[in-house]
Structure formats: structure tokens, C-alpha cells
Amino acid sequence: MTAAGPPVVCSARACRAHATSAVVWRNPRLHTEGRRKVWTACPEHRDSLRDFVDLRGFLIEVIPVEHLDPTRDG
């Protein structure tokens, strides 16, 4: 998920735009403490994806896509 890999696209339904942000989240009822799920987001969908998981109390952080660690996130 870096510049060296394939292009990263937005996770929003039907959006194929280039993703610039990563919405990192975890549902504590389903995922173990160290587990991190990631939705990638284009600038247009960043806030709506972030707000969706934040409203449920699942948001961990929002970071630039290039800061994702493929060995940890996903």
C-alpha cells in the first residue's frame, strides 16, 4: 500500500478514486486488541468514512496512506 505498490483506491462504495488517507479502526466485539482494520479514502470520502466508524466508537486514527505498515495494518 505504498507508492511502490499498485494504486490504492477509495473504499467507499462505487468510488474508484485514488486514496490518500487511511481510516484505521477496530470493532472490539469482533477483533482482538492488536487487530487493525483499514478503509482507504479519497479526499471526497475521508470524512464520511471516518465519521461512520467514529460514531460507533471504532476509530483508532486517520493517517496518510503512505504511512500504513503492511505488516501491521489490514
PDB file of N, CA and C in Angstrom:
ATOM      1  N   MET A   1       0.806  -1.192   0.000  1.00  0.00           N
ATOM      2  CA  MET A   1       0.000   0.000   0.000  1.00  0.00           C
ATOM      3  C   MET A   1       0.849   1.256   0.000  1.00  0.00           C
ATOM      4  N   THR A   2       1.929   1.196  -0.662  1.00  0.00           N
ATOM      5  CA  THR A   2       2.799   2.354  -0.733  1.00  0.00           C
ATOM      6  C   THR A   2       2.960   2.769  -2.188  1.00  0.00           C
ATOM      7  N   ALA A   3       3.754   3.793  -2.409  1.00  0.00           N
ATOM      8  CA  ALA A   3       3.989   4.278  -3.767  1.00  0.00           C
ATOM      9  C   ALA A   3       4.608   3.193  -4.641  1.00  0.00           C
ATOM     10  N   ALA A   4       5.312   2.222  -4.039  1.00  0.00           N
ATOM     11  CA  ALA A   4       5.951   1.166  -4.802  1.00  0.00           C
ATOM     12  C   ALA A   4       4.949   0.107  -5.246  1.00  0.00           C
ATOM     13  N   GLY A   5       3.810   0.009  -4.581  1.00  0.00           N
ATOM     14  CA  GLY A   5       2.814  -1.000  -4.896  1.00  0.00           C
ATOM     15  C   GLY A   5       1.794  -0.485  -5.898  1.00  0.00           C
ATOM     16  N   PRO A   6       0.741  -1.286  -6.089  1.00  0.00           N
ATOM     17  CA  PRO A   6      -0.321  -0.859  -7.006  1.00  0.00           C
ATOM     18  C   PRO A   6      -1.061   0.362  -6.463  1.00  0.00           C
ATOM     19  N   PRO A   7      -1.758   1.087  -7.318  1.00  0.00           N
ATOM     20  CA  PRO A   7      -2.509   2.257  -6.845  1.00  0.00           C
ATOM     21  C   PRO A   7      -3.534   1.850  -5.788  1.00  0.00           C
ATOM     22  N   VAL A   8      -3.696   2.689  -4.803  1.00  0.00           N
ATOM     23  CA  VAL A   8      -4.648   2.434  -3.727  1.00  0.00           C
ATOM     24  C   VAL A   8      -5.923   3.209  -4.059  1.00  0.00           C
ATOM     25  N   VAL A   9      -7.059   2.501  -4.065  1.00  0.00           N
ATOM     26  CA  VAL A   9      -8.329   3.136  -4.391  1.00  0.00           C
ATOM     27  C   VAL A   9      -9.185   3.293  -3.143  1.00  0.00           C
ATOM     28  N   CYS A  10     -10.116   4.199  -3.216  1.00  0.00           N
ATOM     29  CA  CYS A  10     -11.017   4.507  -2.113  1.00  0.00           C
ATOM     30  C   CYS A  10     -11.912   3.316  -1.796  1.00  0.00           C
ATOM     31  N   SER A  11     -12.174   3.101  -0.510  1.00  0.00           N
ATOM     32  CA  SER A  11     -13.031   2.009  -0.052  1.00  0.00           C
ATOM     33  C   SER A  11     -14.522   2.338  -0.103  1.00  0.00           C
ATOM     34  N   ALA A  12     -14.880   3.583  -0.362  1.00  0.00           N
ATOM     35  CA  ALA A  12     -16.291   3.956  -0.430  1.00  0.00           C
ATOM     36  C   ALA A  12     -16.959   3.232  -1.600  1.00  0.00           C
ATOM     37  N   ARG A  13     -18.204   2.838  -1.383  1.00  0.00           N
ATOM     38  CA  ARG A  13     -18.945   2.094  -2.396  1.00  0.00           C
ATOM     39  C   ARG A  13     -18.957   2.832  -3.728  1.00  0.00           C
ATOM     40  N   ALA A  14     -18.593   2.110  -4.786  1.00  0.00           N
ATOM     41  CA  ALA A  14     -18.600   2.579  -6.173  1.00  0.00           C
ATOM     42  C   ALA A  14     -17.582   3.680  -6.472  1.00  0.00           C
ATOM     43  N   CYS A  15     -16.709   3.988  -5.537  1.00  0.00           N
ATOM     44  CA  CYS A  15     -15.680   5.001  -5.780  1.00  0.00           C
ATOM     45  C   CYS A  15     -14.396   4.305  -6.219  1.00  0.00           C
ATOM     46  N   ARG A  16     -13.809   4.775  -7.286  1.00  0.00           N
ATOM     47  CA  ARG A  16     -12.552   4.212  -7.784  1.00  0.00           C
ATOM     48  C   ARG A  16     -11.444   5.268  -7.766  1.00  0.00           C
ATOM     49  N   ALA A  17     -11.650   6.340  -7.010  1.00  0.00           N
ATOM     50  CA  ALA A  17     -10.671   7.430  -6.950  1.00  0.00           C
ATOM     51  C   ALA A  17      -9.433   6.999  -6.163  1.00  0.00           C
ATOM     52  N   HIS A  18      -8.349   7.686  -6.406  1.00  0.00           N
ATOM     53  CA  HIS A  18      -7.092   7.447  -5.704  1.00  0.00           C
ATOM     54  C   HIS A  18      -7.255   7.784  -4.219  1.00  0.00           C
ATOM     55  N   ALA A  19      -6.879   6.857  -3.355  1.00  0.00           N
ATOM     56  CA  ALA A  19      -6.981   7.068  -1.907  1.00  0.00           C
ATOM     57  C   ALA A  19      -5.728   7.763  -1.393  1.00  0.00           C
ATOM     58  N   THR A  20      -5.936   8.755  -0.533  1.00  0.00           N
ATOM     59  CA  THR A  20      -4.814   9.485   0.060  1.00  0.00           C
ATOM     60  C   THR A  20      -4.758   9.313   1.574  1.00  0.00           C
ATOM     61  N   SER A  21      -5.860   8.833   2.167  1.00  0.00           N
ATOM     62  CA  SER A  21      -5.933   8.663   3.621  1.00  0.00           C
ATOM     63  C   SER A  21      -6.311   7.231   3.961  1.00  0.00           C
ATOM     64  N   ALA A  22      -5.951   6.830   5.172  1.00  0.00           N
ATOM     65  CA  ALA A  22      -6.327   5.523   5.691  1.00  0.00           C
ATOM     66  C   ALA A  22      -7.087   5.725   6.996  1.00  0.00           C
ATOM     67  N   VAL A  23      -8.308   5.201   7.048  1.00  0.00           N
ATOM     68  CA  VAL A  23      -9.123   5.249   8.251  1.00  0.00           C
ATOM     69  C   VAL A  23      -8.886   3.919   8.966  1.00  0.00           C
ATOM     70  N   VAL A  24      -8.196   3.979  10.092  1.00  0.00           N
ATOM     71  CA  VAL A  24      -7.821   2.774  10.829  1.00  0.00           C
ATOM     72  C   VAL A  24      -8.810   2.589  11.969  1.00  0.00           C
ATOM     73  N   TRP A  25      -9.380   1.382  12.064  1.00  0.00           N
ATOM     74  CA  TRP A  25     -10.431   1.149  13.047  1.00  0.00           C
ATOM     75  C   TRP A  25     -10.400  -0.284  13.559  1.00  0.00           C
ATOM     76  N   ARG A  26     -11.177  -0.524  14.618  1.00  0.00           N
ATOM     77  CA  ARG A  26     -11.290  -1.863  15.206  1.00  0.00           C
ATOM     78  C   ARG A  26     -12.616  -1.956  15.944  1.00  0.00           C
ATOM     79  N   ASN A  27     -13.357  -3.026  15.686  1.00  0.00           N
ATOM     80  CA  ASN A  27     -14.576  -3.309  16.437  1.00  0.00           C
ATOM     81  C   ASN A  27     -14.174  -4.215  17.599  1.00  0.00           C
ATOM     82  N   PRO A  28     -14.188  -3.724  18.838  1.00  0.00           N
ATOM     83  CA  PRO A  28     -13.710  -4.525  19.967  1.00  0.00           C
ATOM     84  C   PRO A  28     -14.543  -5.774  20.233  1.00  0.00           C
ATOM     85  N   ARG A  29     -15.755  -5.818  19.749  1.00  0.00           N
ATOM     86  CA  ARG A  29     -16.579  -7.022  19.919  1.00  0.00           C
ATOM     87  C   ARG A  29     -16.144  -8.154  18.991  1.00  0.00           C
ATOM     88  N   LEU A  30     -15.517  -7.795  17.871  1.00  0.00           N
ATOM     89  CA  LEU A  30     -15.138  -8.790  16.873  1.00  0.00           C
ATOM     90  C   LEU A  30     -13.642  -9.004  16.732  1.00  0.00           C
ATOM     91  N   HIS A  31     -12.860  -7.965  16.998  1.00  0.00           N
ATOM     92  CA  HIS A  31     -11.428  -8.019  16.721  1.00  0.00           C
ATOM     93  C   HIS A  31     -10.608  -7.985  18.004  1.00  0.00           C
ATOM     94  N   THR A  32      -9.534  -8.755  18.022  1.00  0.00           N
ATOM     95  CA  THR A  32      -8.652  -8.782  19.177  1.00  0.00           C
ATOM     96  C   THR A  32      -7.958  -7.434  19.356  1.00  0.00           C
ATOM     97  N   GLU A  33      -7.393  -7.224  20.501  1.00  0.00           N
ATOM     98  CA  GLU A  33      -6.803  -5.934  20.882  1.00  0.00           C
ATOM     99  C   GLU A  33      -5.820  -5.383  19.842  1.00  0.00           C
ATOM    100  N   GLY A  34      -4.959  -6.200  19.298  1.00  0.00           N
ATOM    101  CA  GLY A  34      -3.951  -5.711  18.362  1.00  0.00           C
ATOM    102  C   GLY A  34      -4.420  -5.606  16.918  1.00  0.00           C
ATOM    103  N   ARG A  35      -5.602  -6.062  16.625  1.00  0.00           N
ATOM    104  CA  ARG A  35      -6.114  -6.061  15.247  1.00  0.00           C
ATOM    105  C   ARG A  35      -6.471  -4.652  14.805  1.00  0.00           C
ATOM    106  N   ARG A  36      -6.117  -4.319  13.570  1.00  0.00           N
ATOM    107  CA  ARG A  36      -6.423  -3.009  12.995  1.00  0.00           C
ATOM    108  C   ARG A  36      -7.005  -3.234  11.611  1.00  0.00           C
ATOM    109  N   LYS A  37      -8.188  -2.705  11.369  1.00  0.00           N
ATOM    110  CA  LYS A  37      -8.819  -2.758  10.056  1.00  0.00           C
ATOM    111  C   LYS A  37      -8.583  -1.414   9.374  1.00  0.00           C
ATOM    112  N   VAL A  38      -8.532  -1.414   8.062  1.00  0.00           N
ATOM    113  CA  VAL A  38      -8.231  -0.182   7.328  1.00  0.00           C
ATOM    114  C   VAL A  38      -9.204  -0.005   6.168  1.00  0.00           C
ATOM    115  N   TRP A  39      -9.774   1.171   6.095  1.00  0.00           N
ATOM    116  CA  TRP A  39     -10.502   1.618   4.911  1.00  0.00           C
ATOM    117  C   TRP A  39      -9.682   2.744   4.326  1.00  0.00           C
ATOM    118  N   THR A  40      -9.408   2.663   3.042  1.00  0.00           N
ATOM    119  CA  THR A  40      -8.695   3.744   2.372  1.00  0.00           C
ATOM    120  C   THR A  40      -9.711   4.737   1.825  1.00  0.00           C
ATOM    121  N   ALA A  41      -9.325   6.001   1.765  1.00  0.00           N
ATOM    122  CA  ALA A  41     -10.279   7.046   1.400  1.00  0.00           C
ATOM    123  C   ALA A  41      -9.665   8.108   0.508  1.00  0.00           C
ATOM    124  N   CYS A  42     -10.450   8.498  -0.486  1.00  0.00           N
ATOM    125  CA  CYS A  42     -10.095   9.662  -1.302  1.00  0.00           C
ATOM    126  C   CYS A  42     -10.477  10.909  -0.497  1.00  0.00           C
ATOM    127  N   PRO A  43     -10.019  12.072  -0.902  1.00  0.00           N
ATOM    128  CA  PRO A  43     -10.369  13.290  -0.162  1.00  0.00           C
ATOM    129  C   PRO A  43     -11.886  13.500  -0.028  1.00  0.00           C
ATOM    130  N   GLU A  44     -12.653  13.136  -1.047  1.00  0.00           N
ATOM    131  CA  GLU A  44     -14.101  13.339  -1.001  1.00  0.00           C
ATOM    132  C   GLU A  44     -14.795  12.463   0.057  1.00  0.00           C
ATOM    133  N   HIS A  45     -14.293  11.258   0.291  1.00  0.00           N
ATOM    134  CA  HIS A  45     -14.957  10.326   1.206  1.00  0.00           C
ATOM    135  C   HIS A  45     -14.265  10.177   2.565  1.00  0.00           C
ATOM    136  N   ARG A  46     -13.162  10.854   2.763  1.00  0.00           N
ATOM    137  CA  ARG A  46     -12.401  10.716   4.014  1.00  0.00           C
ATOM    138  C   ARG A  46     -13.269  10.985   5.248  1.00  0.00           C
ATOM    139  N   ASP A  47     -13.953  12.108   5.252  1.00  0.00           N
ATOM    140  CA  ASP A  47     -14.741  12.480   6.431  1.00  0.00           C
ATOM    141  C   ASP A  47     -15.915  11.542   6.664  1.00  0.00           C
ATOM    142  N   SER A  48     -16.606  11.125   5.604  1.00  0.00           N
ATOM    143  CA  SER A  48     -17.765  10.250   5.806  1.00  0.00           C
ATOM    144  C   SER A  48     -17.343   8.869   6.302  1.00  0.00           C
ATOM    145  N   LEU A  49     -16.249   8.321   5.784  1.00  0.00           N
ATOM    146  CA  LEU A  49     -15.774   7.023   6.273  1.00  0.00           C
ATOM    147  C   LEU A  49     -15.284   7.135   7.719  1.00  0.00           C
ATOM    148  N   ARG A  50     -14.553   8.209   8.010  1.00  0.00           N
ATOM    149  CA  ARG A  50     -14.087   8.439   9.381  1.00  0.00           C
ATOM    150  C   ARG A  50     -15.267   8.593  10.338  1.00  0.00           C
ATOM    151  N   ASP A  51     -16.243   9.395   9.968  1.00  0.00           N
ATOM    152  CA  ASP A  51     -17.401   9.629  10.828  1.00  0.00           C
ATOM    153  C   ASP A  51     -18.194   8.352  11.067  1.00  0.00           C
ATOM    154  N   PHE A  52     -18.301   7.485  10.055  1.00  0.00           N
ATOM    155  CA  PHE A  52     -19.047   6.236  10.183  1.00  0.00           C
ATOM    156  C   PHE A  52     -18.467   5.356  11.294  1.00  0.00           C
ATOM    157  N   VAL A  53     -17.141   5.170  11.292  1.00  0.00           N
ATOM    158  CA  VAL A  53     -16.547   4.312  12.332  1.00  0.00           C
ATOM    159  C   VAL A  53     -16.423   5.047  13.666  1.00  0.00           C
ATOM    160  N   ASP A  54     -16.232   6.349  13.626  1.00  0.00           N
ATOM    161  CA  ASP A  54     -16.119   7.119  14.866  1.00  0.00           C
ATOM    162  C   ASP A  54     -17.442   7.134  15.625  1.00  0.00           C
ATOM    163  N   LEU A  55     -18.545   7.256  14.920  1.00  0.00           N
ATOM    164  CA  LEU A  55     -19.864   7.250  15.541  1.00  0.00           C
ATOM    165  C   LEU A  55     -20.106   5.966  16.330  1.00  0.00           C
ATOM    166  N   ARG A  56     -19.529   4.870  15.876  1.00  0.00           N
ATOM    167  CA  ARG A  56     -19.684   3.576  16.530  1.00  0.00           C
ATOM    168  C   ARG A  56     -18.616   3.315  17.599  1.00  0.00           C
ATOM    169  N   GLY A  57     -17.686   4.260  17.744  1.00  0.00           N
ATOM    170  CA  GLY A  57     -16.618   4.109  18.726  1.00  0.00           C
ATOM    171  C   GLY A  57     -15.491   3.193  18.275  1.00  0.00           C
ATOM    172  N   PHE A  58     -15.355   2.994  16.958  1.00  0.00           N
ATOM    173  CA  PHE A  58     -14.358   2.065  16.418  1.00  0.00           C
ATOM    174  C   PHE A  58     -13.089   2.762  15.920  1.00  0.00           C
ATOM    175  N   LEU A  59     -13.098   4.070  15.774  1.00  0.00           N
ATOM    176  CA  LEU A  59     -11.981   4.791  15.155  1.00  0.00           C
ATOM    177  C   LEU A  59     -10.728   4.724  16.015  1.00  0.00           C
ATOM    178  N   ILE A  60      -9.619   4.372  15.375  1.00  0.00           N
ATOM    179  CA  ILE A  60      -8.310   4.411  16.030  1.00  0.00           C
ATOM    180  C   ILE A  60      -7.564   5.663  15.588  1.00  0.00           C
ATOM    181  N   GLU A  61      -7.452   5.853  14.263  1.00  0.00           N
ATOM    182  CA  GLU A  61      -6.753   7.022  13.735  1.00  0.00           C
ATOM    183  C   GLU A  61      -7.018   7.169  12.246  1.00  0.00           C
ATOM    184  N   VAL A  62      -6.713   8.340  11.722  1.00  0.00           N
ATOM    185  CA  VAL A  62      -6.726   8.602  10.282  1.00  0.00           C
ATOM    186  C   VAL A  62      -5.324   9.074   9.933  1.00  0.00           C
ATOM    187  N   ILE A  63      -4.693   8.371   8.997  1.00  0.00           N
ATOM    188  CA  ILE A  63      -3.315   8.664   8.627  1.00  0.00           C
ATOM    189  C   ILE A  63      -3.183   8.708   7.105  1.00  0.00           C
ATOM    190  N   PRO A  64      -2.119   9.325   6.615  1.00  0.00           N
ATOM    191  CA  PRO A  64      -1.872   9.270   5.167  1.00  0.00           C
ATOM    192  C   PRO A  64      -1.628   7.824   4.742  1.00  0.00           C
ATOM    193  N   VAL A  65      -2.097   7.455   3.574  1.00  0.00           N
ATOM    194  CA  VAL A  65      -1.952   6.094   3.066  1.00  0.00           C
ATOM    195  C   VAL A  65      -0.487   5.640   3.057  1.00  0.00           C
ATOM    196  N   GLU A  66       0.402   6.554   2.747  1.00  0.00           N
ATOM    197  CA  GLU A  66       1.821   6.160   2.677  1.00  0.00           C
ATOM    198  C   GLU A  66       2.414   5.804   4.046  1.00  0.00           C
ATOM    199  N   HIS A  67       1.716   6.097   5.119  1.00  0.00           N
ATOM    200  CA  HIS A  67       2.191   5.749   6.463  1.00  0.00           C
ATOM    201  C   HIS A  67       1.698   4.396   6.944  1.00  0.00           C
ATOM    202  N   LEU A  68       0.907   3.707   6.125  1.00  0.00           N
ATOM    203  CA  LEU A  68       0.442   2.375   6.512  1.00  0.00           C
ATOM    204  C   LEU A  68       1.613   1.404   6.572  1.00  0.00           C
ATOM    205  N   ASP A  69       1.546   0.507   7.509  1.00  0.00           N
ATOM    206  CA  ASP A  69       2.538  -0.548   7.654  1.00  0.00           C
ATOM    207  C   ASP A  69       1.889  -1.848   7.219  1.00  0.00           C
ATOM    208  N   PRO A  70       2.242  -2.391   6.050  1.00  0.00           N
ATOM    209  CA  PRO A  70       1.572  -3.595   5.557  1.00  0.00           C
ATOM    210  C   PRO A  70       1.736  -4.801   6.466  1.00  0.00           C
ATOM    211  N   THR A  71       2.725  -4.791   7.344  1.00  0.00           N
ATOM    212  CA  THR A  71       2.883  -5.913   8.271  1.00  0.00           C
ATOM    213  C   THR A  71       1.980  -5.776   9.495  1.00  0.00           C
ATOM    214  N   ARG A  72       1.403  -4.595   9.689  1.00  0.00           N
ATOM    215  CA  ARG A  72       0.563  -4.365  10.863  1.00  0.00           C
ATOM    216  C   ARG A  72      -0.877  -4.048  10.506  1.00  0.00           C
ATOM    217  N   ASP A  73      -1.106  -3.249   9.484  1.00  0.00           N
ATOM    218  CA  ASP A  73      -2.434  -2.750   9.160  1.00  0.00           C
ATOM    219  C   ASP A  73      -3.091  -3.617   8.081  1.00  0.00           C
ATOM    220  N   GLY A  74      -4.397  -3.840   8.282  1.00  0.00           N
ATOM    221  CA  GLY A  74      -5.133  -4.548   7.256  1.00  0.00           C
ATOM    222  C   GLY A  74      -5.902  -5.699   7.708  1.00  0.00           C
TER     223      GLY A  74
END
